[in-house]
Amino acid sequence: MKVVSVVLLLLLLPFSAFADDEVPAEIDYLLRSIGNSDCTFIRNGERHDSRAAEDHLRMKYGRAKRYASTSEKFIERLASNSSLSKKLYYIECAGEEKVPSGDWLMERLGEYRSLSKSKSTTGNAVSQ
């Protein structure tokens, strides 16, 4: 029985290792997308520049990454609302209406994954 368990573990290891490597790359992309966006981040009714927003969400991820095992969970659990007040976060870009940060980040995640697929066929890496 122990031999079967060890073999099963070894078979699953490459898949879990790949998934763990991919999530931080996606989350880093999302964080850099906010920081490089020049958009305004609205948190608990206060406006913050994009760099401060990236810094805040990096801090939050660093403290609570155990709740963000996927990029979607990062967006849902850490990057969409205040952990204390439960108020939604918003992102407002020049010439556009403010949107919930979760919606904005899900769009960026979709773009990242589309770019990753197209870049993987050409051998280039995705960068922000």
C-alpha atoms as a PDB file:
ATOM      1  CA  MET A   1       0.000   0.000   0.000  1.00  0.00           C
ATOM      2  CA  LYS A   2       2.828   2.415   0.802  1.00  0.00           C
ATOM      3  CA  VAL A   3       4.409   1.750  -2.594  1.00  0.00           C
ATOM      4  CA  VAL A   4       1.148   2.650  -4.357  1.00  0.00           C
ATOM      5  CA  SER A   5       0.876   5.872  -2.339  1.00  0.00           C
ATOM      6  CA  VAL A   6       4.447   6.883  -3.165  1.00  0.00           C
ATOM      7  CA  VAL A   7       3.976   6.137  -6.875  1.00  0.00           C
ATOM      8  CA  LEU A   8       0.734   8.108  -6.925  1.00  0.00           C
ATOM      9  CA  LEU A   9       2.415  11.028  -5.185  1.00  0.00           C
ATOM     10  CA  LEU A  10       5.273  11.008  -7.691  1.00  0.00           C
ATOM     11  CA  LEU A  11       2.860  10.920 -10.606  1.00  0.00           C
ATOM     12  CA  LEU A  12       0.936  13.918  -9.271  1.00  0.00           C
ATOM     13  CA  LEU A  13       3.981  15.968  -8.272  1.00  0.00           C
ATOM     14  CA  PRO A  14       4.788  17.414 -11.721  1.00  0.00           C
ATOM     15  CA  PHE A  15       1.208  18.617 -12.168  1.00  0.00           C
ATOM     16  CA  SER A  16       1.020  20.326  -8.792  1.00  0.00           C
ATOM     17  CA  ALA A  17       4.474  21.856  -9.234  1.00  0.00           C
ATOM     18  CA  PHE A  18       3.399  23.348 -12.565  1.00  0.00           C
ATOM     19  CA  ALA A  19       0.230  24.790 -11.080  1.00  0.00           C
ATOM     20  CA  ASP A  20       2.122  26.360  -8.155  1.00  0.00           C
ATOM     21  CA  ASP A  21       4.622  27.983 -10.525  1.00  0.00           C
ATOM     22  CA  GLU A  22       1.899  29.432 -12.728  1.00  0.00           C
ATOM     23  CA  VAL A  23      -0.231  31.093 -10.043  1.00  0.00           C
ATOM     24  CA  PRO A  24       2.486  33.426  -8.725  1.00  0.00           C
ATOM     25  CA  ALA A  25       3.389  34.462 -12.290  1.00  0.00           C
ATOM     26  CA  GLU A  26      -0.227  35.336 -12.987  1.00  0.00           C
ATOM     27  CA  ILE A  27      -0.659  37.158  -9.710  1.00  0.00           C
ATOM     28  CA  ASP A  28       2.558  39.083 -10.270  1.00  0.00           C
ATOM     29  CA  TYR A  29       1.286  40.059 -13.714  1.00  0.00           C
ATOM     30  CA  LEU A  30      -1.988  41.272 -12.198  1.00  0.00           C
ATOM     31  CA  LEU A  31      -0.171  43.301  -9.554  1.00  0.00           C
ATOM     32  CA  ARG A  32       2.189  44.847 -12.117  1.00  0.00           C
ATOM     33  CA  SER A  33      -0.800  45.607 -14.353  1.00  0.00           C
ATOM     34  CA  ILE A  34      -2.326  47.677 -11.574  1.00  0.00           C
ATOM     35  CA  GLY A  35       0.965  49.405 -10.751  1.00  0.00           C
ATOM     36  CA  ASN A  36       1.690  50.282 -14.371  1.00  0.00           C
ATOM     37  CA  SER A  37      -1.872  51.311 -15.228  1.00  0.00           C
ATOM     38  CA  ASP A  38      -1.859  54.988 -14.156  1.00  0.00           C
ATOM     39  CA  CYS A  39      -5.412  54.326 -12.970  1.00  0.00           C
ATOM     40  CA  THR A  40      -6.816  55.402  -9.620  1.00  0.00           C
ATOM     41  CA  PHE A  41      -7.494  52.723  -7.037  1.00  0.00           C
ATOM     42  CA  ILE A  42     -10.410  53.438  -4.702  1.00  0.00           C
ATOM     43  CA  ARG A  43     -10.194  51.654  -1.376  1.00  0.00           C
ATOM     44  CA  ASN A  44     -12.638  52.368   1.452  1.00  0.00           C
ATOM     45  CA  GLY A  45     -13.710  55.536  -0.322  1.00  0.00           C
ATOM     46  CA  GLU A  46     -10.164  56.915  -0.556  1.00  0.00           C
ATOM     47  CA  ARG A  47      -8.313  57.403  -3.833  1.00  0.00           C
ATOM     48  CA  HIS A  48      -4.807  55.985  -4.273  1.00  0.00           C
ATOM     49  CA  ASP A  49      -2.422  56.064  -7.213  1.00  0.00           C
ATOM     50  CA  SER A  50      -1.649  52.864  -9.083  1.00  0.00           C
ATOM     51  CA  ARG A  51       1.731  52.295  -7.400  1.00  0.00           C
ATOM     52  CA  ALA A  52       0.194  52.571  -3.928  1.00  0.00           C
ATOM     53  CA  ALA A  53      -2.518  50.130  -5.039  1.00  0.00           C
ATOM     54  CA  GLU A  54       0.084  47.619  -6.224  1.00  0.00           C
ATOM     55  CA  ASP A  55       2.013  47.996  -2.965  1.00  0.00           C
ATOM     56  CA  HIS A  56      -1.127  47.501  -0.874  1.00  0.00           C
ATOM     57  CA  LEU A  57      -2.218  44.383  -2.757  1.00  0.00           C
ATOM     58  CA  ARG A  58       1.313  42.932  -2.662  1.00  0.00           C
ATOM     59  CA  MET A  59       1.327  43.410   1.099  1.00  0.00           C
ATOM     60  CA  LYS A  60      -2.091  41.829   1.383  1.00  0.00           C
ATOM     61  CA  TYR A  61      -1.034  38.878  -0.796  1.00  0.00           C
ATOM     62  CA  GLY A  62       2.163  38.423   1.216  1.00  0.00           C
ATOM     63  CA  ARG A  63       0.194  38.196   4.443  1.00  0.00           C
ATOM     64  CA  ALA A  64      -2.708  36.093   3.182  1.00  0.00           C
ATOM     65  CA  LYS A  65      -1.505  34.092   0.191  1.00  0.00           C
ATOM     66  CA  ARG A  66      -2.735  30.900   1.863  1.00  0.00           C
ATOM     67  CA  TYR A  67      -6.229  32.104   0.863  1.00  0.00           C
ATOM     68  CA  ALA A  68      -5.209  32.641  -2.756  1.00  0.00           C
ATOM     69  CA  SER A  69      -4.339  29.220  -4.137  1.00  0.00           C
ATOM     70  CA  THR A  70      -5.399  30.320  -7.625  1.00  0.00           C
ATOM     71  CA  SER A  71      -5.403  33.636  -9.435  1.00  0.00           C
ATOM     72  CA  GLU A  72      -9.194  33.689  -9.316  1.00  0.00           C
ATOM     73  CA  LYS A  73      -9.137  33.203  -5.549  1.00  0.00           C
ATOM     74  CA  PHE A  74      -6.557  35.990  -5.255  1.00  0.00           C
ATOM     75  CA  ILE A  75      -8.931  38.302  -7.095  1.00  0.00           C
ATOM     76  CA  GLU A  76     -12.014  37.169  -5.194  1.00  0.00           C
ATOM     77  CA  ARG A  77     -10.564  36.920  -1.700  1.00  0.00           C
ATOM     78  CA  LEU A  78      -7.817  39.545  -1.575  1.00  0.00           C
ATOM     79  CA  ALA A  79      -8.058  42.053  -4.428  1.00  0.00           C
ATOM     80  CA  SER A  80     -11.785  42.819  -4.681  1.00  0.00           C
ATOM     81  CA  ASN A  81     -12.682  44.257  -1.315  1.00  0.00           C
ATOM     82  CA  SER A  82     -11.421  45.343   2.072  1.00  0.00           C
ATOM     83  CA  SER A  83     -10.890  42.517   4.526  1.00  0.00           C
ATOM     84  CA  LEU A  84     -11.974  44.797   7.361  1.00  0.00           C
ATOM     85  CA  SER A  85     -14.817  46.957   6.028  1.00  0.00           C
ATOM     86  CA  LYS A  86     -15.889  44.532   3.257  1.00  0.00           C
ATOM     87  CA  LYS A  87     -16.296  47.548   0.927  1.00  0.00           C
ATOM     88  CA  LEU A  88     -15.546  46.854  -2.723  1.00  0.00           C
ATOM     89  CA  TYR A  89     -12.361  48.176  -4.279  1.00  0.00           C
ATOM     90  CA  TYR A  90     -12.718  50.121  -7.539  1.00  0.00           C
ATOM     91  CA  ILE A  91     -10.381  51.035 -10.359  1.00  0.00           C
ATOM     92  CA  GLU A  92     -10.937  54.211 -12.330  1.00  0.00           C
ATOM     93  CA  CYS A  93      -8.899  54.834 -15.466  1.00  0.00           C
ATOM     94  CA  ALA A  94      -8.780  58.119 -17.394  1.00  0.00           C
ATOM     95  CA  GLY A  95     -11.800  58.554 -19.656  1.00  0.00           C
ATOM     96  CA  GLU A  96     -13.521  55.451 -18.291  1.00  0.00           C
ATOM     97  CA  GLU A  97     -16.077  54.795 -15.587  1.00  0.00           C
ATOM     98  CA  LYS A  98     -14.881  53.242 -12.366  1.00  0.00           C
ATOM     99  CA  VAL A  99     -15.294  49.480 -12.222  1.00  0.00           C
ATOM    100  CA  PRO A 100     -14.994  46.980  -9.390  1.00  0.00           C
ATOM    101  CA  SER A 101     -11.367  45.919  -9.146  1.00  0.00           C
ATOM    102  CA  GLY A 102     -12.373  42.257  -9.390  1.00  0.00           C
ATOM    103  CA  ASP A 103     -13.895  42.851 -12.834  1.00  0.00           C
ATOM    104  CA  TRP A 104     -10.853  44.825 -13.991  1.00  0.00           C
ATOM    105  CA  LEU A 105      -8.463  42.137 -12.747  1.00  0.00           C
ATOM    106  CA  MET A 106     -10.458  39.299 -14.318  1.00  0.00           C
ATOM    107  CA  GLU A 107     -10.112  41.096 -17.671  1.00  0.00           C
ATOM    108  CA  ARG A 108      -6.340  41.363 -17.175  1.00  0.00           C
ATOM    109  CA  LEU A 109      -6.172  37.680 -16.208  1.00  0.00           C
ATOM    110  CA  GLY A 110      -8.018  36.712 -19.383  1.00  0.00           C
ATOM    111  CA  GLU A 111      -5.624  38.843 -21.439  1.00  0.00           C
ATOM    112  CA  TYR A 112      -2.618  37.276 -19.700  1.00  0.00           C
ATOM    113  CA  ARG A 113      -3.823  33.751 -20.357  1.00  0.00           C
ATOM    114  CA  SER A 114      -4.600  34.542 -23.996  1.00  0.00           C
ATOM    115  CA  LEU A 115      -1.156  36.070 -24.445  1.00  0.00           C
ATOM    116  CA  SER A 116       0.460  33.125 -22.661  1.00  0.00           C
ATOM    117  CA  LYS A 117      -1.183  30.679 -25.043  1.00  0.00           C
ATOM    118  CA  SER A 118      -0.179  32.630 -28.136  1.00  0.00           C
ATOM    119  CA  LYS A 119       3.351  33.292 -26.832  1.00  0.00           C
ATOM    120  CA  SER A 120       3.879  29.639 -25.891  1.00  0.00           C
ATOM    121  CA  THR A 121       3.313  28.663 -29.511  1.00  0.00           C
ATOM    122  CA  THR A 122       5.984  31.150 -30.630  1.00  0.00           C
ATOM    123  CA  GLY A 123       8.349  30.542 -27.712  1.00  0.00           C
ATOM    124  CA  ASN A 124       8.181  34.065 -26.238  1.00  0.00           C
ATOM    125  CA  ALA A 125       7.381  34.850 -22.612  1.00  0.00           C
ATOM    126  CA  VAL A 126       4.656  37.215 -21.473  1.00  0.00           C
ATOM    127  CA  SER A 127       5.781  40.376 -19.701  1.00  0.00           C
ATOM    128  CA  GLN A 128       4.125  43.549 -18.502  1.00  0.00           C
END
